[in-house]
Amino acid sequence: MRITVQYLTQLKQAAGRQTESVELPENADIAQLLDVVADKHSARMRQLLFSSDGSVLPAILIFVNDQQVRLRGFNPLREGDDVTLLSPIAGG
């Protein structure tokens, strides 16, 4: 199935683009999508998405079709879903 991924903040820089289509197997979930995205891009992308133990960083904000979701309890992605990934922004 094809999913559209939009990257914001540092993730956009790590991906080298703002939007892309990603092909996933049927019934893939958010964690699988993040793993595919991390493999597709730089080591920096993996650092922005995952902790050293391989778990998704809790500060990553994930939106599916403009609705914020959590990794746990979210149904599998569906063909044509739009996923937006946002990493935390620090500043002063």
PDB file of N, CA and C in Angstrom:
ATOM      1  N   MET A   1       0.848  -1.176   0.000  1.00  0.00           N
ATOM      2  CA  MET A   1       0.000   0.000   0.000  1.00  0.00           C
ATOM      3  C   MET A   1       0.889   1.232   0.000  1.00  0.00           C
ATOM      4  N   ARG A   2       0.375   2.311  -0.506  1.00  0.00           N
ATOM      5  CA  ARG A   2       1.145   3.558  -0.605  1.00  0.00           C
ATOM      6  C   ARG A   2       0.634   4.557   0.436  1.00  0.00           C
ATOM      7  N   ILE A   3       1.584   5.120   1.184  1.00  0.00           N
ATOM      8  CA  ILE A   3       1.329   6.111   2.227  1.00  0.00           C
ATOM      9  C   ILE A   3       2.099   7.372   1.863  1.00  0.00           C
ATOM     10  N   THR A   4       1.506   8.530   2.074  1.00  0.00           N
ATOM     11  CA  THR A   4       2.219   9.794   1.890  1.00  0.00           C
ATOM     12  C   THR A   4       2.738  10.248   3.240  1.00  0.00           C
ATOM     13  N   VAL A   5       4.028  10.571   3.292  1.00  0.00           N
ATOM     14  CA  VAL A   5       4.654  11.013   4.535  1.00  0.00           C
ATOM     15  C   VAL A   5       5.106  12.449   4.359  1.00  0.00           C
ATOM     16  N   GLN A   6       4.737  13.283   5.319  1.00  0.00           N
ATOM     17  CA  GLN A   6       5.184  14.671   5.354  1.00  0.00           C
ATOM     18  C   GLN A   6       6.117  14.830   6.539  1.00  0.00           C
ATOM     19  N   TYR A   7       7.262  15.445   6.295  1.00  0.00           N
ATOM     20  CA  TYR A   7       8.255  15.656   7.340  1.00  0.00           C
ATOM     21  C   TYR A   7       8.284  17.132   7.711  1.00  0.00           C
ATOM     22  N   LEU A   8       8.342  17.402   8.989  1.00  0.00           N
ATOM     23  CA  LEU A   8       8.454  18.775   9.468  1.00  0.00           C
ATOM     24  C   LEU A   8       9.684  18.896  10.359  1.00  0.00           C
ATOM     25  N   THR A   9      10.130  20.114  10.549  1.00  0.00           N
ATOM     26  CA  THR A   9      11.269  20.468  11.399  1.00  0.00           C
ATOM     27  C   THR A   9      12.526  19.703  10.981  1.00  0.00           C
ATOM     28  N   GLN A  10      13.244  19.151  11.949  1.00  0.00           N
ATOM     29  CA  GLN A  10      14.518  18.477  11.682  1.00  0.00           C
ATOM     30  C   GLN A  10      14.351  17.244  10.803  1.00  0.00           C
ATOM     31  N   LEU A  11      13.201  16.619  10.858  1.00  0.00           N
ATOM     32  CA  LEU A  11      12.965  15.433  10.040  1.00  0.00           C
ATOM     33  C   LEU A  11      12.971  15.779   8.553  1.00  0.00           C
ATOM     34  N   LYS A  12      12.481  16.959   8.227  1.00  0.00           N
ATOM     35  CA  LYS A  12      12.496  17.414   6.832  1.00  0.00           C
ATOM     36  C   LYS A  12      13.937  17.550   6.343  1.00  0.00           C
ATOM     37  N   GLN A  13      14.792  18.084   7.182  1.00  0.00           N
ATOM     38  CA  GLN A  13      16.198  18.222   6.810  1.00  0.00           C
ATOM     39  C   GLN A  13      16.862  16.859   6.664  1.00  0.00           C
ATOM     40  N   ALA A  14      16.572  15.943   7.574  1.00  0.00           N
ATOM     41  CA  ALA A  14      17.179  14.608   7.522  1.00  0.00           C
ATOM     42  C   ALA A  14      16.714  13.825   6.299  1.00  0.00           C
ATOM     43  N   ALA A  15      15.459  14.023   5.891  1.00  0.00           N
ATOM     44  CA  ALA A  15      14.920  13.328   4.719  1.00  0.00           C
ATOM     45  C   ALA A  15      15.366  13.991   3.418  1.00  0.00           C
ATOM     46  N   GLY A  16      15.705  15.264   3.495  1.00  0.00           N
ATOM     47  CA  GLY A  16      16.084  15.994   2.292  1.00  0.00           C
ATOM     48  C   GLY A  16      14.893  16.358   1.423  1.00  0.00           C
ATOM     49  N   ARG A  17      13.709  16.291   2.001  1.00  0.00           N
ATOM     50  CA  ARG A  17      12.468  16.629   1.286  1.00  0.00           C
ATOM     51  C   ARG A  17      11.366  16.827   2.305  1.00  0.00           C
ATOM     52  N   GLN A  18      10.304  17.451   1.874  1.00  0.00           N
ATOM     53  CA  GLN A  18       9.176  17.680   2.771  1.00  0.00           C
ATOM     54  C   GLN A  18       8.149  16.556   2.700  1.00  0.00           C
ATOM     55  N   THR A  19       7.970  15.983   1.525  1.00  0.00           N
ATOM     56  CA  THR A  19       6.938  14.966   1.324  1.00  0.00           C
ATOM     57  C   THR A  19       7.475  13.850   0.438  1.00  0.00           C
ATOM     58  N   GLU A  20       7.012  12.630   0.698  1.00  0.00           N
ATOM     59  CA  GLU A  20       7.329  11.510  -0.184  1.00  0.00           C
ATOM     60  C   GLU A  20       6.293  10.412  -0.020  1.00  0.00           C
ATOM     61  N   SER A  21       6.212   9.548  -1.013  1.00  0.00           N
ATOM     62  CA  SER A  21       5.361   8.370  -0.946  1.00  0.00           C
ATOM     63  C   SER A  21       6.210   7.202  -0.475  1.00  0.00           C
ATOM     64  N   VAL A  22       5.627   6.381   0.391  1.00  0.00           N
ATOM     65  CA  VAL A  22       6.320   5.211   0.912  1.00  0.00           C
ATOM     66  C   VAL A  22       5.436   4.000   0.677  1.00  0.00           C
ATOM     67  N   GLU A  23       6.033   2.951   0.171  1.00  0.00           N
ATOM     68  CA  GLU A  23       5.311   1.698  -0.068  1.00  0.00           C
ATOM     69  C   GLU A  23       5.489   0.787   1.150  1.00  0.00           C
ATOM     70  N   LEU A  24       4.370   0.295   1.673  1.00  0.00           N
ATOM     71  CA  LEU A  24       4.368  -0.574   2.854  1.00  0.00           C
ATOM     72  C   LEU A  24       3.519  -1.812   2.581  1.00  0.00           C
ATOM     73  N   PRO A  25       3.780  -2.908   3.309  1.00  0.00           N
ATOM     74  CA  PRO A  25       2.896  -4.072   3.183  1.00  0.00           C
ATOM     75  C   PRO A  25       1.532  -3.768   3.792  1.00  0.00           C
ATOM     76  N   GLU A  26       0.511  -4.499   3.358  1.00  0.00           N
ATOM     77  CA  GLU A  26      -0.823  -4.342   3.934  1.00  0.00           C
ATOM     78  C   GLU A  26      -0.764  -4.541   5.447  1.00  0.00           C
ATOM     79  N   ASN A  27      -1.601  -3.815   6.167  1.00  0.00           N
ATOM     80  CA  ASN A  27      -1.707  -3.892   7.626  1.00  0.00           C
ATOM     81  C   ASN A  27      -0.463  -3.424   8.372  1.00  0.00           C
ATOM     82  N   ALA A  28       0.405  -2.668   7.697  1.00  0.00           N
ATOM     83  CA  ALA A  28       1.577  -2.109   8.379  1.00  0.00           C
ATOM     84  C   ALA A  28       1.106  -1.084   9.400  1.00  0.00           C
ATOM     85  N   ASP A  29       1.880  -0.926  10.455  1.00  0.00           N
ATOM     86  CA  ASP A  29       1.532   0.046  11.484  1.00  0.00           C
ATOM     87  C   ASP A  29       2.529   1.202  11.471  1.00  0.00           C
ATOM     88  N   ILE A  30       2.327   2.129  12.381  1.00  0.00           N
ATOM     89  CA  ILE A  30       3.181   3.326  12.450  1.00  0.00           C
ATOM     90  C   ILE A  30       4.639   2.952  12.704  1.00  0.00           C
ATOM     91  N   ALA A  31       4.885   2.022  13.620  1.00  0.00           N
ATOM     92  CA  ALA A  31       6.259   1.624  13.940  1.00  0.00           C
ATOM     93  C   ALA A  31       6.956   1.073  12.697  1.00  0.00           C
ATOM     94  N   GLN A  32       6.250   0.287  11.892  1.00  0.00           N
ATOM     95  CA  GLN A  32       6.835  -0.238  10.661  1.00  0.00           C
ATOM     96  C   GLN A  32       7.134   0.887   9.683  1.00  0.00           C
ATOM     97  N   LEU A  33       6.234   1.847   9.582  1.00  0.00           N
ATOM     98  CA  LEU A  33       6.474   2.994   8.706  1.00  0.00           C
ATOM     99  C   LEU A  33       7.734   3.739   9.143  1.00  0.00           C
ATOM    100  N   LEU A  34       7.863   3.997  10.428  1.00  0.00           N
ATOM    101  CA  LEU A  34       9.030   4.724  10.923  1.00  0.00           C
ATOM    102  C   LEU A  34      10.318   3.964  10.639  1.00  0.00           C
ATOM    103  N   ASP A  35      10.284   2.648  10.758  1.00  0.00           N
ATOM    104  CA  ASP A  35      11.457   1.837  10.478  1.00  0.00           C
ATOM    105  C   ASP A  35      11.837   1.922   8.998  1.00  0.00           C
ATOM    106  N   VAL A  36      10.848   1.873   8.106  1.00  0.00           N
ATOM    107  CA  VAL A  36      11.104   1.997   6.668  1.00  0.00           C
ATOM    108  C   VAL A  36      11.692   3.373   6.358  1.00  0.00           C
ATOM    109  N   VAL A  37      11.121   4.410   6.949  1.00  0.00           N
ATOM    110  CA  VAL A  37      11.609   5.774   6.733  1.00  0.00           C
ATOM    111  C   VAL A  37      13.054   5.912   7.225  1.00  0.00           C
ATOM    112  N   ALA A  38      13.346   5.366   8.388  1.00  0.00           N
ATOM    113  CA  ALA A  38      14.706   5.450   8.936  1.00  0.00           C
ATOM    114  C   ALA A  38      15.697   4.714   8.042  1.00  0.00           C
ATOM    115  N   ASP A  39      15.313   3.549   7.525  1.00  0.00           N
ATOM    116  CA  ASP A  39      16.200   2.795   6.633  1.00  0.00           C
ATOM    117  C   ASP A  39      16.422   3.506   5.309  1.00  0.00           C
ATOM    118  N   LYS A  40      15.415   4.220   4.861  1.00  0.00           N
ATOM    119  CA  LYS A  40      15.460   4.883   3.558  1.00  0.00           C
ATOM    120  C   LYS A  40      16.357   6.115   3.561  1.00  0.00           C
ATOM    121  N   HIS A  41      16.509   6.732   4.720  1.00  0.00           N
ATOM    122  CA  HIS A  41      17.248   7.994   4.812  1.00  0.00           C
ATOM    123  C   HIS A  41      18.509   7.841   5.648  1.00  0.00           C
ATOM    124  N   SER A  42      19.050   8.943   6.077  1.00  0.00           N
ATOM    125  CA  SER A  42      20.336   8.986   6.758  1.00  0.00           C
ATOM    126  C   SER A  42      20.282   8.423   8.180  1.00  0.00           C
ATOM    127  N   ALA A  43      21.472   8.192   8.716  1.00  0.00           N
ATOM    128  CA  ALA A  43      21.584   7.777  10.119  1.00  0.00           C
ATOM    129  C   ALA A  43      20.993   8.863  11.019  1.00  0.00           C
ATOM    130  N   ARG A  44      21.062  10.091  10.582  1.00  0.00           N
ATOM    131  CA  ARG A  44      20.474  11.199  11.351  1.00  0.00           C
ATOM    132  C   ARG A  44      18.965  11.003  11.515  1.00  0.00           C
ATOM    133  N   MET A  45      18.303  10.526  10.475  1.00  0.00           N
ATOM    134  CA  MET A  45      16.871  10.274  10.555  1.00  0.00           C
ATOM    135  C   MET A  45      16.584   9.232  11.631  1.00  0.00           C
ATOM    136  N   ARG A  46      17.365   8.162  11.652  1.00  0.00           N
ATOM    137  CA  ARG A  46      17.169   7.119  12.666  1.00  0.00           C
ATOM    138  C   ARG A  46      17.366   7.702  14.072  1.00  0.00           C
ATOM    139  N   GLN A  47      18.351   8.561  14.252  1.00  0.00           N
ATOM    140  CA  GLN A  47      18.605   9.187  15.563  1.00  0.00           C
ATOM    141  C   GLN A  47      17.454  10.082  15.986  1.00  0.00           C
ATOM    142  N   LEU A  48      16.813  10.724  15.029  1.00  0.00           N
ATOM    143  CA  LEU A  48      15.692  11.610  15.344  1.00  0.00           C
ATOM    144  C   LEU A  48      14.422  10.842  15.681  1.00  0.00           C
ATOM    145  N   LEU A  49      14.308   9.606  15.190  1.00  0.00           N
ATOM    146  CA  LEU A  49      13.092   8.827  15.391  1.00  0.00           C
ATOM    147  C   LEU A  49      13.183   7.791  16.511  1.00  0.00           C
ATOM    148  N   PHE A  50      14.370   7.213  16.714  1.00  0.00           N
ATOM    149  CA  PHE A  50      14.513   6.082  17.627  1.00  0.00           C
ATOM    150  C   PHE A  50      15.561   6.332  18.703  1.00  0.00           C
ATOM    151  N   SER A  51      15.326   5.780  19.893  1.00  0.00           N
ATOM    152  CA  SER A  51      16.322   5.829  20.962  1.00  0.00           C
ATOM    153  C   SER A  51      17.372   4.753  20.702  1.00  0.00           C
ATOM    154  N   SER A  52      18.409   4.723  21.507  1.00  0.00           N
ATOM    155  CA  SER A  52      19.494   3.759  21.308  1.00  0.00           C
ATOM    156  C   SER A  52      19.034   2.315  21.489  1.00  0.00           C
ATOM    157  N   ASP A  53      17.937   2.089  22.220  1.00  0.00           N
ATOM    158  CA  ASP A  53      17.426   0.722  22.404  1.00  0.00           C
ATOM    159  C   ASP A  53      16.455   0.314  21.290  1.00  0.00           C
ATOM    160  N   GLY A  54      16.245   1.189  20.296  1.00  0.00           N
ATOM    161  CA  GLY A  54      15.401   0.860  19.162  1.00  0.00           C
ATOM    162  C   GLY A  54      13.941   1.238  19.303  1.00  0.00           C
ATOM    163  N   SER A  55      13.558   1.811  20.436  1.00  0.00           N
ATOM    164  CA  SER A  55      12.166   2.223  20.608  1.00  0.00           C
ATOM    165  C   SER A  55      11.965   3.625  20.024  1.00  0.00           C
ATOM    166  N   VAL A  56      10.744   3.874  19.567  1.00  0.00           N
ATOM    167  CA  VAL A  56      10.425   5.181  18.996  1.00  0.00           C
ATOM    168  C   VAL A  56      10.486   6.225  20.101  1.00  0.00           C
ATOM    169  N   LEU A  57      11.127   7.337  19.809  1.00  0.00           N
ATOM    170  CA  LEU A  57      11.222   8.408  20.801  1.00  0.00           C
ATOM    171  C   LEU A  57       9.834   8.941  21.133  1.00  0.00           C
ATOM    172  N   PRO A  58       9.529   9.071  22.417  1.00  0.00           N
ATOM    173  CA  PRO A  58       8.179   9.507  22.806  1.00  0.00           C
ATOM    174  C   PRO A  58       7.858  10.944  22.415  1.00  0.00           C
ATOM    175  N   ALA A  59       8.867  11.746  22.125  1.00  0.00           N
ATOM    176  CA  ALA A  59       8.631  13.153  21.783  1.00  0.00           C
ATOM    177  C   ALA A  59       8.204  13.341  20.329  1.00  0.00           C
ATOM    178  N   ILE A  60       8.325  12.308  19.499  1.00  0.00           N
ATOM    179  CA  ILE A  60       7.924  12.420  18.098  1.00  0.00           C
ATOM    180  C   ILE A  60       6.401  12.535  18.027  1.00  0.00           C
ATOM    181  N   LEU A  61       5.932  13.547  17.343  1.00  0.00           N
ATOM    182  CA  LEU A  61       4.493  13.721  17.144  1.00  0.00           C
ATOM    183  C   LEU A  61       4.114  13.107  15.805  1.00  0.00           C
ATOM    184  N   ILE A  62       3.048  12.319  15.826  1.00  0.00           N
ATOM    185  CA  ILE A  62       2.607  11.591  14.635  1.00  0.00           C
ATOM    186  C   ILE A  62       1.143  11.923  14.382  1.00  0.00           C
ATOM    187  N   PHE A  63       0.865  12.328  13.154  1.00  0.00           N
ATOM    188  CA  PHE A  63      -0.504  12.631  12.744  1.00  0.00           C
ATOM    189  C   PHE A  63      -0.852  11.747  11.550  1.00  0.00           C
ATOM    190  N   VAL A  64      -2.022  11.129  11.589  1.00  0.00           N
ATOM    191  CA  VAL A  64      -2.529  10.357  10.464  1.00  0.00           C
ATOM    192  C   VAL A  64      -3.807  11.039  10.008  1.00  0.00           C
ATOM    193  N   ASN A  65      -3.772  11.519   8.766  1.00  0.00           N
ATOM    194  CA  ASN A  65      -4.917  12.250   8.214  1.00  0.00           C
ATOM    195  C   ASN A  65      -5.349  13.387   9.144  1.00  0.00           C
ATOM    196  N   ASP A  66      -4.375  14.153   9.616  1.00  0.00           N
ATOM    197  CA  ASP A  66      -4.575  15.341  10.458  1.00  0.00           C
ATOM    198  C   ASP A  66      -5.062  15.046  11.873  1.00  0.00           C
ATOM    199  N   GLN A  67      -5.027  13.792  12.297  1.00  0.00           N
ATOM    200  CA  GLN A  67      -5.404  13.446  13.672  1.00  0.00           C
ATOM    201  C   GLN A  67      -4.174  12.886  14.382  1.00  0.00           C
ATOM    202  N   GLN A  68      -3.833  13.482  15.526  1.00  0.00           N
ATOM    203  CA  GLN A  68      -2.672  13.000  16.267  1.00  0.00           C
ATOM    204  C   GLN A  68      -2.944  11.597  16.801  1.00  0.00           C
ATOM    205  N   VAL A  69      -1.947  10.724  16.654  1.00  0.00           N
ATOM    206  CA  VAL A  69      -2.087   9.334  17.102  1.00  0.00           C
ATOM    207  C   VAL A  69      -0.913   8.948  17.980  1.00  0.00           C
ATOM    208  N   ARG A  70      -1.105   7.882  18.710  1.00  0.00           N
ATOM    209  CA  ARG A  70      -0.061   7.267  19.530  1.00  0.00           C
ATOM    210  C   ARG A  70       0.304   5.930  18.894  1.00  0.00           C
ATOM    211  N   LEU A  71       1.488   5.457  19.177  1.00  0.00           N
ATOM    212  CA  LEU A  71       1.903   4.166  18.630  1.00  0.00           C
ATOM    213  C   LEU A  71       1.031   3.035  19.143  1.00  0.00           C
ATOM    214  N   ARG A  72       0.773   3.044  20.426  1.00  0.00           N
ATOM    215  CA  ARG A  72      -0.038   1.981  21.017  1.00  0.00           C
ATOM    216  C   ARG A  72      -1.518   2.265  20.773  1.00  0.00           C
ATOM    217  N   GLY A  73      -2.226   1.242  20.388  1.00  0.00           N
ATOM    218  CA  GLY A  73      -3.663   1.367  20.225  1.00  0.00           C
ATOM    219  C   GLY A  73      -4.121   1.938  18.904  1.00  0.00           C
ATOM    220  N   PHE A  74      -3.187   2.240  18.012  1.00  0.00           N
ATOM    221  CA  PHE A  74      -3.586   2.774  16.707  1.00  0.00           C
ATOM    222  C   PHE A  74      -3.784   1.619  15.734  1.00  0.00           C
ATOM    223  N   ASN A  75      -4.870   1.654  14.994  1.00  0.00           N
ATOM    224  CA  ASN A  75      -5.145   0.629  13.986  1.00  0.00           C
ATOM    225  C   ASN A  75      -4.110   0.704  12.872  1.00  0.00           C
ATOM    226  N   PRO A  76      -3.970  -0.380  12.102  1.00  0.00           N
ATOM    227  CA  PRO A  76      -3.009  -0.356  10.990  1.00  0.00           C
ATOM    228  C   PRO A  76      -3.303   0.784  10.013  1.00  0.00           C
ATOM    229  N   LEU A  77      -2.254   1.213   9.351  1.00  0.00           N
ATOM    230  CA  LEU A  77      -2.406   2.228   8.311  1.00  0.00           C
ATOM    231  C   LEU A  77      -3.210   1.657   7.153  1.00  0.00           C
ATOM    232  N   ARG A  78      -3.788   2.578   6.369  1.00  0.00           N
ATOM    233  CA  ARG A  78      -4.587   2.169   5.212  1.00  0.00           C
ATOM    234  C   ARG A  78      -4.055   2.852   3.957  1.00  0.00           C
ATOM    235  N   GLU A  79      -4.301   2.226   2.844  1.00  0.00           N
ATOM    236  CA  GLU A  79      -3.916   2.786   1.547  1.00  0.00           C
ATOM    237  C   GLU A  79      -4.363   4.242   1.467  1.00  0.00           C
ATOM    238  N   GLY A  80      -3.425   5.123   1.059  1.00  0.00           N
ATOM    239  CA  GLY A  80      -3.751   6.524   0.861  1.00  0.00           C
ATOM    240  C   GLY A  80      -3.667   7.399   2.106  1.00  0.00           C
ATOM    241  N   ASP A  81      -3.358   6.809   3.265  1.00  0.00           N
ATOM    242  CA  ASP A  81      -3.225   7.635   4.473  1.00  0.00           C
ATOM    243  C   ASP A  81      -2.123   8.667   4.286  1.00  0.00           C
ATOM    244  N   ASP A  82      -2.323   9.832   4.896  1.00  0.00           N
ATOM    245  CA  ASP A  82      -1.306  10.876   4.957  1.00  0.00           C
ATOM    246  C   ASP A  82      -0.764  10.915   6.373  1.00  0.00           C
ATOM    247  N   VAL A  83       0.527  10.697   6.519  1.00  0.00           N
ATOM    248  CA  VAL A  83       1.167  10.689   7.836  1.00  0.00           C
ATOM    249  C   VAL A  83       2.112  11.868   7.906  1.00  0.00           C
ATOM    250  N   THR A  84       1.984  12.659   8.966  1.00  0.00           N
ATOM    251  CA  THR A  84       2.872  13.783   9.214  1.00  0.00           C
ATOM    252  C   THR A  84       3.717  13.468  10.437  1.00  0.00           C
ATOM    253  N   LEU A  85       5.034  13.664  10.314  1.00  0.00           N
ATOM    254  CA  LEU A  85       5.970  13.400  11.405  1.00  0.00           C
ATOM    255  C   LEU A  85       6.616  14.711  11.819  1.00  0.00           C
ATOM    256  N   LEU A  86       6.628  14.949  13.106  1.00  0.00           N
ATOM    257  CA  LEU A  86       7.144  16.200  13.658  1.00  0.00           C
ATOM    258  C   LEU A  86       8.061  15.890  14.820  1.00  0.00           C
ATOM    259  N   SER A  87       9.287  16.332  14.751  1.00  0.00           N
ATOM    260  CA  SER A  87      10.211  16.169  15.873  1.00  0.00           C
ATOM    261  C   SER A  87      10.136  17.415  16.749  1.00  0.00           C
ATOM    262  N   PRO A  88      10.496  17.291  18.014  1.00  0.00           N
ATOM    263  CA  PRO A  88      10.415  18.431  18.926  1.00  0.00           C
ATOM    264  C   PRO A  88      11.355  19.557  18.481  1.00  0.00           C
ATOM    265  N   ILE A  89      10.955  20.754  18.817  1.00  0.00           N
ATOM    266  CA  ILE A  89      11.747  21.939  18.478  1.00  0.00           C
ATOM    267  C   ILE A  89      12.234  22.552  19.777  1.00  0.00           C
ATOM    268  N   ALA A  90      13.525  22.801  19.849  1.00  0.00           N
ATOM    269  CA  ALA A  90      14.091  23.448  21.037  1.00  0.00           C
ATOM    270  C   ALA A  90      14.520  24.855  20.644  1.00  0.00           C
ATOM    271  N   GLY A  91      14.464  25.729  21.559  1.00  0.00           N
ATOM    272  CA  GLY A  91      14.882  27.092  21.264  1.00  0.00           C
ATOM    273  C   GLY A  91      14.782  27.961  22.487  1.00  0.00           C
ATOM    274  N   GLY A  92      15.129  29.176  22.297  1.00  0.00           N
ATOM    275  CA  GLY A  92      15.115  30.046  23.450  1.00  0.00           C
ATOM    276  C   GLY A  92      14.665  31.416  23.138  1.00  0.00           C
TER     277      GLY A  92
END
